[in-house]
């Protein structure tokens, strides 16, 4: 028997069997499907009784404090979109005891804890658990559930059977509730340092949440961008070393003799006239150029260098993280192809 199977009205054990139900957290509709009347629910939740009501329409079928897992599922049950009258969406027969939550996911600090952030607090210490729902849902925050609304729900990630917002979105929702500059900086830094996401995706989420007008968030973003660039540069160094590429000159500026500045490069092979540029753009609306303007700046520099016969390989930090071998192959191909090109114009190479 699972919690989708209604009990016959004459069942001799309408309540005792519910102790075996998945995590012992059920909605009013699910309890009714098990043959439990409203009067029985009220009686079971009396002072000193065996049950308790955690949230409107959500019951915990044991006394004492709920576990962190029970709180998470209670919040999701409260917020989930129901697919049929009174019955939350359920999985197929291959997983009869794991609920599937529609149009609701954990976000904010609770989501970061589930993602494995060491700088996020333990779940049991959180007074509120943020749950992300569509903007038009008619749902209010209640008890330990804080409702966060969005125009477009992101695709959730499943963590221990719980739908969780992606790290950039969860970070933005967490930061929106934090006034502690140190806490914000620790969360953003860990997101990049631990490899959860790239700085650009974090800044984009903060920008969409209109959080970049807060001075303590701006300061944390500056640290985040510096951290992200340092990590990307380290990956570039490792790529050159681990895949046996010839040593370039690192972090240089190029100039025409007696002429204008051509721009900075992260790595340059003078004999082959091949350059690598890391794309660490992270536009911040209202604070820096927008994404189109930044990309145009990259493109202009690249076109100018290539007119001079210099091959520019453009690499993003994400590609270095996810496909370093492929990026090394791209650079190696450019180095090998240099002998088939016309000699590049003479340029002056200066340390940056």
C-alpha atoms as a PDB file:
ATOM      1  CA  UNK A   1       0.000   0.000   0.000  1.00  0.00           C
ATOM      2  CA  UNK A   2       1.261   3.483  -0.768  1.00  0.00           C
ATOM      3  CA  UNK A   3      -0.096   6.888   0.117  1.00  0.00           C
ATOM      4  CA  UNK A   4      -2.001   7.149  -3.175  1.00  0.00           C
ATOM      5  CA  UNK A   5      -4.211   4.173  -2.294  1.00  0.00           C
ATOM      6  CA  UNK A   6      -7.520   5.204  -0.663  1.00  0.00           C
ATOM      7  CA  UNK A   7      -8.642   3.150   2.304  1.00  0.00           C
ATOM      8  CA  UNK A   8     -12.085   1.635   2.160  1.00  0.00           C
ATOM      9  CA  UNK A   9     -14.512   3.440   4.469  1.00  0.00           C
ATOM     10  CA  UNK A  10     -14.820   0.380   6.677  1.00  0.00           C
ATOM     11  CA  UNK A  11     -11.087  -0.055   7.205  1.00  0.00           C
ATOM     12  CA  UNK A  12     -10.397  -1.110  10.817  1.00  0.00           C
ATOM     13  CA  UNK A  13      -7.082   0.800  10.902  1.00  0.00           C
ATOM     14  CA  UNK A  14      -7.574   4.218   9.299  1.00  0.00           C
ATOM     15  CA  UNK A  15      -4.780   5.992  11.220  1.00  0.00           C
ATOM     16  CA  UNK A  16      -2.177   3.616  12.609  1.00  0.00           C
ATOM     17  CA  UNK A  17      -0.881   2.524   9.165  1.00  0.00           C
ATOM     18  CA  UNK A  18      -0.008   6.140   8.315  1.00  0.00           C
ATOM     19  CA  UNK A  19       3.137   5.932  10.433  1.00  0.00           C
ATOM     20  CA  UNK A  20       4.648   3.978   7.534  1.00  0.00           C
ATOM     21  CA  UNK A  21       3.889   6.615   4.906  1.00  0.00           C
ATOM     22  CA  UNK A  22       6.840   8.296   3.123  1.00  0.00           C
ATOM     23  CA  UNK A  23       8.549  10.606   5.637  1.00  0.00           C
ATOM     24  CA  UNK A  24       5.301  10.895   7.597  1.00  0.00           C
ATOM     25  CA  UNK A  25       4.456  14.246   6.020  1.00  0.00           C
ATOM     26  CA  UNK A  26       1.097  14.378   4.228  1.00  0.00           C
ATOM     27  CA  UNK A  27      -1.332  16.979   2.921  1.00  0.00           C
ATOM     28  CA  UNK A  28      -4.972  17.302   3.827  1.00  0.00           C
ATOM     29  CA  UNK A  29      -5.903  15.834   0.435  1.00  0.00           C
ATOM     30  CA  UNK A  30      -3.627  12.835   0.900  1.00  0.00           C
ATOM     31  CA  UNK A  31      -4.990  12.161   4.370  1.00  0.00           C
ATOM     32  CA  UNK A  32      -8.523  12.290   3.012  1.00  0.00           C
ATOM     33  CA  UNK A  33      -7.479   9.832   0.313  1.00  0.00           C
ATOM     34  CA  UNK A  34      -6.430   7.536   3.174  1.00  0.00           C
ATOM     35  CA  UNK A  35      -9.882   7.825   4.703  1.00  0.00           C
ATOM     36  CA  UNK A  36      -9.032  10.362   7.417  1.00  0.00           C
ATOM     37  CA  UNK A  37     -11.771  12.914   8.037  1.00  0.00           C
ATOM     38  CA  UNK A  38     -11.291  16.564   8.953  1.00  0.00           C
ATOM     39  CA  UNK A  39     -12.544  15.829  12.452  1.00  0.00           C
ATOM     40  CA  UNK A  40      -9.956  13.067  12.871  1.00  0.00           C
ATOM     41  CA  UNK A  41      -7.180  15.396  11.681  1.00  0.00           C
ATOM     42  CA  UNK A  42      -8.231  17.980  14.253  1.00  0.00           C
ATOM     43  CA  UNK A  43      -8.344  15.339  16.975  1.00  0.00           C
ATOM     44  CA  UNK A  44      -4.895  13.955  16.103  1.00  0.00           C
ATOM     45  CA  UNK A  45      -3.412  17.486  16.185  1.00  0.00           C
ATOM     46  CA  UNK A  46      -4.807  18.400  19.593  1.00  0.00           C
ATOM     47  CA  UNK A  47      -2.361  19.639  22.236  1.00  0.00           C
ATOM     48  CA  UNK A  48      -0.233  16.678  23.230  1.00  0.00           C
ATOM     49  CA  UNK A  49      -1.624  14.635  20.344  1.00  0.00           C
ATOM     50  CA  UNK A  50       0.378  12.346  18.045  1.00  0.00           C
ATOM     51  CA  UNK A  51       0.273  14.648  14.998  1.00  0.00           C
ATOM     52  CA  UNK A  52       0.971  18.315  14.311  1.00  0.00           C
ATOM     53  CA  UNK A  53       0.160  20.754  11.540  1.00  0.00           C
ATOM     54  CA  UNK A  54       3.427  22.135  10.144  1.00  0.00           C
ATOM     55  CA  UNK A  55       1.901  24.389   7.475  1.00  0.00           C
ATOM     56  CA  UNK A  56      -1.603  25.116   6.197  1.00  0.00           C
ATOM     57  CA  UNK A  57      -2.841  21.827   4.786  1.00  0.00           C
ATOM     58  CA  UNK A  58       0.372  19.939   5.645  1.00  0.00           C
ATOM     59  CA  UNK A  59       0.639  17.559   8.604  1.00  0.00           C
ATOM     60  CA  UNK A  60       3.515  15.835  10.387  1.00  0.00           C
ATOM     61  CA  UNK A  61       2.444  12.421  11.616  1.00  0.00           C
ATOM     62  CA  UNK A  62       4.525  12.313  14.778  1.00  0.00           C
ATOM     63  CA  UNK A  63       5.070  14.564  17.814  1.00  0.00           C
ATOM     64  CA  UNK A  64       8.316  16.395  18.444  1.00  0.00           C
ATOM     65  CA  UNK A  65      10.398  18.566  16.139  1.00  0.00           C
ATOM     66  CA  UNK A  66      10.471  17.736  12.426  1.00  0.00           C
ATOM     67  CA  UNK A  67      13.704  16.635  10.804  1.00  0.00           C
ATOM     68  CA  UNK A  68      15.296  18.871   8.171  1.00  0.00           C
ATOM     69  CA  UNK A  69      14.096  16.470   5.478  1.00  0.00           C
ATOM     70  CA  UNK A  70      10.534  16.613   6.806  1.00  0.00           C
ATOM     71  CA  UNK A  71      10.625  20.422   6.807  1.00  0.00           C
ATOM     72  CA  UNK A  72      11.835  20.504   3.189  1.00  0.00           C
ATOM     73  CA  UNK A  73       9.097  18.166   2.012  1.00  0.00           C
ATOM     74  CA  UNK A  74       6.464  19.996   4.045  1.00  0.00           C
ATOM     75  CA  UNK A  75       7.417  23.296   2.380  1.00  0.00           C
ATOM     76  CA  UNK A  76       7.320  21.687  -1.069  1.00  0.00           C
ATOM     77  CA  UNK A  77       3.974  20.031  -0.359  1.00  0.00           C
ATOM     78  CA  UNK A  78       2.595  23.386   0.743  1.00  0.00           C
ATOM     79  CA  UNK A  79       3.846  25.139  -2.390  1.00  0.00           C
ATOM     80  CA  UNK A  80       3.478  22.495  -5.068  1.00  0.00           C
ATOM     81  CA  UNK A  81       1.057  22.720  -7.944  1.00  0.00           C
ATOM     82  CA  UNK A  82      -1.514  19.976  -7.707  1.00  0.00           C
ATOM     83  CA  UNK A  83      -2.112  17.891 -10.858  1.00  0.00           C
ATOM     84  CA  UNK A  84      -5.485  16.515  -9.772  1.00  0.00           C
ATOM     85  CA  UNK A  85      -8.023  17.624  -7.164  1.00  0.00           C
ATOM     86  CA  UNK A  86      -6.259  17.413  -3.829  1.00  0.00           C
ATOM     87  CA  UNK A  87      -3.460  15.026  -4.915  1.00  0.00           C
ATOM     88  CA  UNK A  88       0.071  16.297  -5.532  1.00  0.00           C
ATOM     89  CA  UNK A  89       1.820  14.953  -8.610  1.00  0.00           C
ATOM     90  CA  UNK A  90       3.209  11.486  -7.974  1.00  0.00           C
ATOM     91  CA  UNK A  91       5.802   9.422  -9.859  1.00  0.00           C
ATOM     92  CA  UNK A  92       5.249   6.232 -11.796  1.00  0.00           C
ATOM     93  CA  UNK A  93       5.250   2.743 -10.413  1.00  0.00           C
ATOM     94  CA  UNK A  94       9.030   2.534 -10.576  1.00  0.00           C
ATOM     95  CA  UNK A  95       9.286   4.992  -7.645  1.00  0.00           C
ATOM     96  CA  UNK A  96       6.059   4.798  -5.653  1.00  0.00           C
ATOM     97  CA  UNK A  97       7.393   6.422  -2.491  1.00  0.00           C
ATOM     98  CA  UNK A  98       9.128   9.519  -3.890  1.00  0.00           C
ATOM     99  CA  UNK A  99       6.901  12.535  -4.543  1.00  0.00           C
ATOM    100  CA  UNK A 100       7.392  14.711  -7.599  1.00  0.00           C
ATOM    101  CA  UNK A 101       6.762  18.397  -6.957  1.00  0.00           C
ATOM    102  CA  UNK A 102       5.321  20.494  -9.766  1.00  0.00           C
ATOM    103  CA  UNK A 103       6.093  24.212 -10.130  1.00  0.00           C
ATOM    104  CA  UNK A 104       7.965  24.483  -6.835  1.00  0.00           C
ATOM    105  CA  UNK A 105      11.609  24.133  -5.791  1.00  0.00           C
ATOM    106  CA  UNK A 106      13.820  24.946  -2.811  1.00  0.00           C
ATOM    107  CA  UNK A 107      15.923  28.088  -3.234  1.00  0.00           C
ATOM    108  CA  UNK A 108      17.938  30.542  -1.118  1.00  0.00           C
ATOM    109  CA  UNK A 109      20.148  29.413   1.753  1.00  0.00           C
ATOM    110  CA  UNK A 110      18.438  26.026   2.077  1.00  0.00           C
ATOM    111  CA  UNK A 111      19.190  25.294  -1.581  1.00  0.00           C
ATOM    112  CA  UNK A 112      22.839  26.309  -1.154  1.00  0.00           C
ATOM    113  CA  UNK A 113      23.136  23.971   1.844  1.00  0.00           C
ATOM    114  CA  UNK A 114      21.713  21.155  -0.279  1.00  0.00           C
ATOM    115  CA  UNK A 115      24.202  22.008  -3.039  1.00  0.00           C
ATOM    116  CA  UNK A 116      26.973  21.432  -0.496  1.00  0.00           C
ATOM    117  CA  UNK A 117      28.003  24.997   0.411  1.00  0.00           C
ATOM    118  CA  UNK A 118      30.038  24.919   3.616  1.00  0.00           C
ATOM    119  CA  UNK A 119      29.410  28.653   4.139  1.00  0.00           C
ATOM    120  CA  UNK A 120      25.627  28.143   4.189  1.00  0.00           C
ATOM    121  CA  UNK A 121      24.022  27.346   7.566  1.00  0.00           C
ATOM    122  CA  UNK A 122      22.699  23.869   8.485  1.00  0.00           C
ATOM    123  CA  UNK A 123      19.113  23.247   7.449  1.00  0.00           C
ATOM    124  CA  UNK A 124      17.844  22.832  10.996  1.00  0.00           C
ATOM    125  CA  UNK A 125      19.186  26.274  11.944  1.00  0.00           C
ATOM    126  CA  UNK A 126      17.145  28.022   9.245  1.00  0.00           C
ATOM    127  CA  UNK A 127      14.015  29.672  10.559  1.00  0.00           C
ATOM    128  CA  UNK A 128      12.645  30.023   7.021  1.00  0.00           C
ATOM    129  CA  UNK A 129      12.999  27.783   3.968  1.00  0.00           C
ATOM    130  CA  UNK A 130      12.665  29.647   0.669  1.00  0.00           C
ATOM    131  CA  UNK A 131      10.525  28.007  -2.001  1.00  0.00           C
ATOM    132  CA  UNK A 132      10.442  29.291  -5.584  1.00  0.00           C
ATOM    133  CA  UNK A 133       7.093  29.344  -7.406  1.00  0.00           C
ATOM    134  CA  UNK A 134       5.664  31.023 -10.528  1.00  0.00           C
ATOM    135  CA  UNK A 135       4.766  34.680 -10.076  1.00  0.00           C
ATOM    136  CA  UNK A 136       1.040  34.176 -10.641  1.00  0.00           C
ATOM    137  CA  UNK A 137       0.596  31.444  -8.019  1.00  0.00           C
ATOM    138  CA  UNK A 138      -1.883  32.502  -5.333  1.00  0.00           C
ATOM    139  CA  UNK A 139       0.212  31.475  -2.382  1.00  0.00           C
ATOM    140  CA  UNK A 140       1.403  33.281   0.736  1.00  0.00           C
ATOM    141  CA  UNK A 141       4.372  32.724   3.001  1.00  0.00           C
ATOM    142  CA  UNK A 142       3.409  30.786   6.121  1.00  0.00           C
ATOM    143  CA  UNK A 143       5.211  29.191   9.027  1.00  0.00           C
ATOM    144  CA  UNK A 144       8.672  28.058   7.941  1.00  0.00           C
ATOM    145  CA  UNK A 145       7.836  28.477   4.232  1.00  0.00           C
ATOM    146  CA  UNK A 146       8.888  31.760   2.613  1.00  0.00           C
ATOM    147  CA  UNK A 147       7.440  32.071  -0.880  1.00  0.00           C
ATOM    148  CA  UNK A 148       9.721  33.553  -3.555  1.00  0.00           C
ATOM    149  CA  UNK A 149       8.143  34.376  -6.910  1.00  0.00           C
ATOM    150  CA  UNK A 150       9.640  34.402 -10.393  1.00  0.00           C
ATOM    151  CA  UNK A 151       8.411  35.141 -13.912  1.00  0.00           C
ATOM    152  CA  UNK A 152      10.162  32.043 -15.274  1.00  0.00           C
ATOM    153  CA  UNK A 153      10.989  28.979 -13.222  1.00  0.00           C
ATOM    154  CA  UNK A 154      14.496  27.607 -13.870  1.00  0.00           C
ATOM    155  CA  UNK A 155      15.004  23.896 -14.430  1.00  0.00           C
ATOM    156  CA  UNK A 156      15.489  22.407 -10.952  1.00  0.00           C
ATOM    157  CA  UNK A 157      18.297  20.075  -9.965  1.00  0.00           C
ATOM    158  CA  UNK A 158      17.453  16.996  -7.932  1.00  0.00           C
ATOM    159  CA  UNK A 159      19.439  16.783  -4.686  1.00  0.00           C
ATOM    160  CA  UNK A 160      18.599  13.815  -2.430  1.00  0.00           C
ATOM    161  CA  UNK A 161      15.172  13.621  -4.050  1.00  0.00           C
ATOM    162  CA  UNK A 162      14.413  17.318  -3.559  1.00  0.00           C
ATOM    163  CA  UNK A 163      14.011  19.810  -6.451  1.00  0.00           C
ATOM    164  CA  UNK A 164      16.533  22.593  -5.893  1.00  0.00           C
ATOM    165  CA  UNK A 165      17.079  25.844  -7.789  1.00  0.00           C
ATOM    166  CA  UNK A 166      20.366  26.090  -9.739  1.00  0.00           C
ATOM    167  CA  UNK A 167      23.213  27.709  -7.804  1.00  0.00           C
ATOM    168  CA  UNK A 168      23.096  31.178  -9.485  1.00  0.00           C
ATOM    169  CA  UNK A 169      19.361  31.548  -8.798  1.00  0.00           C
ATOM    170  CA  UNK A 170      19.683  30.177  -5.251  1.00  0.00           C
ATOM    171  CA  UNK A 171      22.537  32.613  -4.594  1.00  0.00           C
ATOM    172  CA  UNK A 172      20.494  35.583  -5.781  1.00  0.00           C
ATOM    173  CA  UNK A 173      17.553  34.589  -3.569  1.00  0.00           C
ATOM    174  CA  UNK A 174      19.858  34.076  -0.577  1.00  0.00           C
ATOM    175  CA  UNK A 175      21.698  37.374  -1.090  1.00  0.00           C
ATOM    176  CA  UNK A 176      18.407  39.264  -1.322  1.00  0.00           C
ATOM    177  CA  UNK A 177      17.774  38.397   2.350  1.00  0.00           C
ATOM    178  CA  UNK A 178      21.321  39.011   3.632  1.00  0.00           C
ATOM    179  CA  UNK A 179      22.648  42.321   4.958  1.00  0.00           C
ATOM    180  CA  UNK A 180      25.914  40.813   6.248  1.00  0.00           C
ATOM    181  CA  UNK A 181      28.632  41.757   3.738  1.00  0.00           C
ATOM    182  CA  UNK A 182      30.935  38.998   4.998  1.00  0.00           C
ATOM    183  CA  UNK A 183      28.283  36.318   4.544  1.00  0.00           C
ATOM    184  CA  UNK A 184      27.505  37.510   1.015  1.00  0.00           C
ATOM    185  CA  UNK A 185      31.191  37.508   0.074  1.00  0.00           C
ATOM    186  CA  UNK A 186      31.750  34.019   1.483  1.00  0.00           C
ATOM    187  CA  UNK A 187      28.813  32.581  -0.457  1.00  0.00           C
ATOM    188  CA  UNK A 188      29.793  34.183  -3.772  1.00  0.00           C
ATOM    189  CA  UNK A 189      33.444  33.224  -3.375  1.00  0.00           C
ATOM    190  CA  UNK A 190      32.605  29.610  -2.552  1.00  0.00           C
ATOM    191  CA  UNK A 191      30.315  29.386  -5.582  1.00  0.00           C
ATOM    192  CA  UNK A 192      33.277  30.029  -7.867  1.00  0.00           C
ATOM    193  CA  UNK A 193      36.118  28.516  -5.846  1.00  0.00           C
ATOM    194  CA  UNK A 194      34.291  25.204  -5.336  1.00  0.00           C
ATOM    195  CA  UNK A 195      33.379  25.007  -9.021  1.00  0.00           C
ATOM    196  CA  UNK A 196      29.598  25.338  -8.607  1.00  0.00           C
ATOM    197  CA  UNK A 197      29.334  27.963 -11.371  1.00  0.00           C
ATOM    198  CA  UNK A 198      31.175  30.702 -13.227  1.00  0.00           C
ATOM    199  CA  UNK A 199      31.237  34.360 -12.087  1.00  0.00           C
ATOM    200  CA  UNK A 200      29.323  35.576 -15.143  1.00  0.00           C
ATOM    201  CA  UNK A 201      26.292  33.409 -14.312  1.00  0.00           C
ATOM    202  CA  UNK A 202      26.289  34.642 -10.712  1.00  0.00           C
ATOM    203  CA  UNK A 203      26.512  38.306 -11.710  1.00  0.00           C
ATOM    204  CA  UNK A 204      23.778  37.791 -14.298  1.00  0.00           C
ATOM    205  CA  UNK A 205      21.456  36.329 -11.646  1.00  0.00           C
ATOM    206  CA  UNK A 206      22.239  39.158  -9.201  1.00  0.00           C
ATOM    207  CA  UNK A 207      21.590  41.687 -11.945  1.00  0.00           C
ATOM    208  CA  UNK A 208      18.235  40.116 -12.835  1.00  0.00           C
ATOM    209  CA  UNK A 209      17.297  40.237  -9.153  1.00  0.00           C
ATOM    210  CA  UNK A 210      18.189  43.969  -9.088  1.00  0.00           C
ATOM    211  CA  UNK A 211      20.685  43.454  -6.273  1.00  0.00           C
ATOM    212  CA  UNK A 212      23.625  45.315  -7.817  1.00  0.00           C
ATOM    213  CA  UNK A 213      22.536  48.625  -6.338  1.00  0.00           C
ATOM    214  CA  UNK A 214      23.462  47.401  -2.847  1.00  0.00           C
ATOM    215  CA  UNK A 215      26.999  48.492  -1.895  1.00  0.00           C
ATOM    216  CA  UNK A 216      27.840  45.328   0.060  1.00  0.00           C
ATOM    217  CA  UNK A 217      26.773  43.191  -2.911  1.00  0.00           C
ATOM    218  CA  UNK A 218      28.877  45.281  -5.317  1.00  0.00           C
ATOM    219  CA  UNK A 219      31.929  44.816  -3.062  1.00  0.00           C
ATOM    220  CA  UNK A 220      31.330  41.062  -2.971  1.00  0.00           C
ATOM    221  CA  UNK A 221      30.994  40.963  -6.763  1.00  0.00           C
ATOM    222  CA  UNK A 222      34.354  42.701  -7.157  1.00  0.00           C
ATOM    223  CA  UNK A 223      35.942  39.982  -5.017  1.00  0.00           C
ATOM    224  CA  UNK A 224      34.045  37.336  -6.978  1.00  0.00           C
ATOM    225  CA  UNK A 225      35.345  38.599 -10.321  1.00  0.00           C
ATOM    226  CA  UNK A 226      38.912  38.715  -9.028  1.00  0.00           C
ATOM    227  CA  UNK A 227      38.538  35.180  -7.691  1.00  0.00           C
ATOM    228  CA  UNK A 228      37.041  33.979 -10.969  1.00  0.00           C
ATOM    229  CA  UNK A 229      39.839  35.443 -13.075  1.00  0.00           C
ATOM    230  CA  UNK A 230      42.518  33.946 -10.814  1.00  0.00           C
ATOM    231  CA  UNK A 231      40.914  30.505 -11.102  1.00  0.00           C
ATOM    232  CA  UNK A 232      40.603  30.806 -14.893  1.00  0.00           C
ATOM    233  CA  UNK A 233      44.248  31.859 -15.204  1.00  0.00           C
ATOM    234  CA  UNK A 234      45.318  28.910 -13.074  1.00  0.00           C
ATOM    235  CA  UNK A 235      43.343  26.550 -15.325  1.00  0.00           C
ATOM    236  CA  UNK A 236      45.026  28.092 -18.373  1.00  0.00           C
ATOM    237  CA  UNK A 237      48.472  27.513 -16.823  1.00  0.00           C
ATOM    238  CA  UNK A 238      47.536  23.902 -16.074  1.00  0.00           C
ATOM    239  CA  UNK A 239      46.222  23.371 -19.614  1.00  0.00           C
ATOM    240  CA  UNK A 240      49.533  24.473 -21.132  1.00  0.00           C
ATOM    241  CA  UNK A 241      51.519  22.304 -18.716  1.00  0.00           C
ATOM    242  CA  UNK A 242      49.330  19.174 -18.633  1.00  0.00           C
ATOM    243  CA  UNK A 243      48.844  18.938 -22.404  1.00  0.00           C
ATOM    244  CA  UNK A 244      52.439  19.610 -23.357  1.00  0.00           C
ATOM    245  CA  UNK A 245      51.989  22.935 -25.141  1.00  0.00           C
ATOM    246  CA  UNK A 246      55.093  25.104 -25.629  1.00  0.00           C
ATOM    247  CA  UNK A 247      55.512  27.804 -23.006  1.00  0.00           C
ATOM    248  CA  UNK A 248      54.026  31.167 -23.996  1.00  0.00           C
ATOM    249  CA  UNK A 249      54.755  34.562 -22.527  1.00  0.00           C
ATOM    250  CA  UNK A 250      52.075  35.258 -19.938  1.00  0.00           C
ATOM    251  CA  UNK A 251      49.954  38.374 -19.334  1.00  0.00           C
ATOM    252  CA  UNK A 252      51.370  40.740 -21.931  1.00  0.00           C
ATOM    253  CA  UNK A 253      50.398  43.903 -23.768  1.00  0.00           C
ATOM    254  CA  UNK A 254      50.972  44.231 -27.507  1.00  0.00           C
ATOM    255  CA  UNK A 255      51.848  47.473 -29.280  1.00  0.00           C
ATOM    256  CA  UNK A 256      52.837  48.442 -32.773  1.00  0.00           C
ATOM    257  CA  UNK A 257      56.372  49.929 -32.864  1.00  0.00           C
ATOM    258  CA  UNK A 258      55.880  53.598 -32.156  1.00  0.00           C
ATOM    259  CA  UNK A 259      52.155  53.046 -32.596  1.00  0.00           C
ATOM    260  CA  UNK A 260      48.982  52.427 -30.634  1.00  0.00           C
ATOM    261  CA  UNK A 261      48.238  49.938 -27.899  1.00  0.00           C
ATOM    262  CA  UNK A 262      46.731  46.732 -29.342  1.00  0.00           C
ATOM    263  CA  UNK A 263      45.403  45.237 -26.132  1.00  0.00           C
ATOM    264  CA  UNK A 264      46.271  42.814 -23.362  1.00  0.00           C
ATOM    265  CA  UNK A 265      46.502  39.038 -23.763  1.00  0.00           C
ATOM    266  CA  UNK A 266      46.586  36.218 -21.234  1.00  0.00           C
ATOM    267  CA  UNK A 267      49.086  34.117 -23.215  1.00  0.00           C
ATOM    268  CA  UNK A 268      51.087  34.791 -26.382  1.00  0.00           C
ATOM    269  CA  UNK A 269      53.401  32.651 -28.524  1.00  0.00           C
ATOM    270  CA  UNK A 270      55.553  35.244 -30.396  1.00  0.00           C
ATOM    271  CA  UNK A 271      57.170  32.840 -32.856  1.00  0.00           C
ATOM    272  CA  UNK A 272      53.816  31.457 -33.994  1.00  0.00           C
ATOM    273  CA  UNK A 273      51.895  34.747 -33.527  1.00  0.00           C
ATOM    274  CA  UNK A 274      49.153  32.928 -31.573  1.00  0.00           C
ATOM    275  CA  UNK A 275      47.349  34.513 -28.640  1.00  0.00           C
ATOM    276  CA  UNK A 276      44.899  33.260 -26.002  1.00  0.00           C
ATOM    277  CA  UNK A 277      42.387  35.594 -24.429  1.00  0.00           C
ATOM    278  CA  UNK A 278      40.218  34.592 -21.493  1.00  0.00           C
ATOM    279  CA  UNK A 279      36.651  35.841 -21.727  1.00  0.00           C
ATOM    280  CA  UNK A 280      35.811  36.748 -18.137  1.00  0.00           C
ATOM    281  CA  UNK A 281      33.052  39.182 -18.978  1.00  0.00           C
ATOM    282  CA  UNK A 282      30.533  39.711 -16.216  1.00  0.00           C
ATOM    283  CA  UNK A 283      28.408  42.728 -17.184  1.00  0.00           C
ATOM    284  CA  UNK A 284      26.625  44.644 -14.449  1.00  0.00           C
ATOM    285  CA  UNK A 285      23.804  46.813 -15.657  1.00  0.00           C
ATOM    286  CA  UNK A 286      24.100  50.359 -14.381  1.00  0.00           C
ATOM    287  CA  UNK A 287      27.686  49.809 -13.224  1.00  0.00           C
ATOM    288  CA  UNK A 288      29.551  48.682 -16.333  1.00  0.00           C
ATOM    289  CA  UNK A 289      29.032  48.320 -20.051  1.00  0.00           C
ATOM    290  CA  UNK A 290      26.315  45.935 -21.070  1.00  0.00           C
ATOM    291  CA  UNK A 291      27.062  42.544 -22.575  1.00  0.00           C
ATOM    292  CA  UNK A 292      26.768  43.663 -26.211  1.00  0.00           C
ATOM    293  CA  UNK A 293      29.198  46.538 -25.725  1.00  0.00           C
ATOM    294  CA  UNK A 294      31.719  44.305 -23.964  1.00  0.00           C
ATOM    295  CA  UNK A 295      31.487  41.677 -26.672  1.00  0.00           C
ATOM    296  CA  UNK A 296      31.974  44.361 -29.349  1.00  0.00           C
ATOM    297  CA  UNK A 297      35.151  45.467 -27.573  1.00  0.00           C
ATOM    298  CA  UNK A 298      36.474  41.887 -27.600  1.00  0.00           C
ATOM    299  CA  UNK A 299      35.549  41.502 -31.278  1.00  0.00           C
ATOM    300  CA  UNK A 300      37.224  44.763 -32.338  1.00  0.00           C
ATOM    301  CA  UNK A 301      40.469  43.817 -30.625  1.00  0.00           C
ATOM    302  CA  UNK A 302      40.395  40.339 -32.126  1.00  0.00           C
ATOM    303  CA  UNK A 303      39.744  41.647 -35.659  1.00  0.00           C
ATOM    304  CA  UNK A 304      42.560  44.200 -35.348  1.00  0.00           C
ATOM    305  CA  UNK A 305      45.057  41.555 -34.206  1.00  0.00           C
ATOM    306  CA  UNK A 306      44.018  39.120 -36.896  1.00  0.00           C
ATOM    307  CA  UNK A 307      44.472  41.782 -39.597  1.00  0.00           C
ATOM    308  CA  UNK A 308      48.062  41.959 -38.356  1.00  0.00           C
ATOM    309  CA  UNK A 309      48.396  38.187 -38.822  1.00  0.00           C
ATOM    310  CA  UNK A 310      47.979  37.209 -35.146  1.00  0.00           C
ATOM    311  CA  UNK A 311      45.650  34.276 -34.455  1.00  0.00           C
ATOM    312  CA  UNK A 312      43.488  34.879 -31.379  1.00  0.00           C
ATOM    313  CA  UNK A 313      41.977  31.902 -29.520  1.00  0.00           C
ATOM    314  CA  UNK A 314      39.062  33.023 -27.385  1.00  0.00           C
ATOM    315  CA  UNK A 315      38.408  30.761 -24.343  1.00  0.00           C
ATOM    316  CA  UNK A 316      35.765  31.087 -21.632  1.00  0.00           C
ATOM    317  CA  UNK A 317      36.402  29.942 -18.043  1.00  0.00           C
ATOM    318  CA  UNK A 318      33.533  27.457 -18.411  1.00  0.00           C
ATOM    319  CA  UNK A 319      35.167  25.800 -21.424  1.00  0.00           C
ATOM    320  CA  UNK A 320      38.455  25.572 -19.535  1.00  0.00           C
ATOM    321  CA  UNK A 321      36.647  23.920 -16.644  1.00  0.00           C
ATOM    322  CA  UNK A 322      34.471  21.529 -18.635  1.00  0.00           C
ATOM    323  CA  UNK A 323      36.556  20.716 -21.734  1.00  0.00           C
ATOM    324  CA  UNK A 324      40.197  21.551 -21.063  1.00  0.00           C
ATOM    325  CA  UNK A 325      41.503  18.842 -23.412  1.00  0.00           C
ATOM    326  CA  UNK A 326      39.412  20.189 -26.278  1.00  0.00           C
ATOM    327  CA  UNK A 327      40.640  23.743 -25.664  1.00  0.00           C
ATOM    328  CA  UNK A 328      44.245  22.510 -25.608  1.00  0.00           C
ATOM    329  CA  UNK A 329      43.638  20.863 -28.987  1.00  0.00           C
ATOM    330  CA  UNK A 330      42.331  24.150 -30.397  1.00  0.00           C
ATOM    331  CA  UNK A 331      45.454  26.005 -29.240  1.00  0.00           C
ATOM    332  CA  UNK A 332      47.763  23.243 -30.528  1.00  0.00           C
ATOM    333  CA  UNK A 333      46.060  23.362 -33.937  1.00  0.00           C
ATOM    334  CA  UNK A 334      46.543  27.132 -34.126  1.00  0.00           C
ATOM    335  CA  UNK A 335      50.236  26.776 -33.236  1.00  0.00           C
ATOM    336  CA  UNK A 336      50.770  24.060 -35.848  1.00  0.00           C
ATOM    337  CA  UNK A 337      48.955  26.061 -38.531  1.00  0.00           C
ATOM    338  CA  UNK A 338      51.183  29.102 -38.037  1.00  0.00           C
ATOM    339  CA  UNK A 339      53.720  27.815 -40.593  1.00  0.00           C
ATOM    340  CA  UNK A 340      51.086  27.910 -43.321  1.00  0.00           C
ATOM    341  CA  UNK A 341      50.248  31.580 -42.820  1.00  0.00           C
ATOM    342  CA  UNK A 342      51.892  34.748 -44.008  1.00  0.00           C
ATOM    343  CA  UNK A 343      54.323  36.149 -41.395  1.00  0.00           C
ATOM    344  CA  UNK A 344      52.599  38.376 -38.872  1.00  0.00           C
ATOM    345  CA  UNK A 345      53.383  42.073 -38.514  1.00  0.00           C
ATOM    346  CA  UNK A 346      56.118  42.933 -36.048  1.00  0.00           C
ATOM    347  CA  UNK A 347      54.690  43.904 -32.665  1.00  0.00           C
ATOM    348  CA  UNK A 348      56.236  44.931 -29.389  1.00  0.00           C
ATOM    349  CA  UNK A 349      55.479  42.589 -26.469  1.00  0.00           C
ATOM    350  CA  UNK A 350      55.420  44.222 -23.030  1.00  0.00           C
ATOM    351  CA  UNK A 351      54.655  42.768 -19.595  1.00  0.00           C
ATOM    352  CA  UNK A 352      51.186  43.634 -18.329  1.00  0.00           C
END
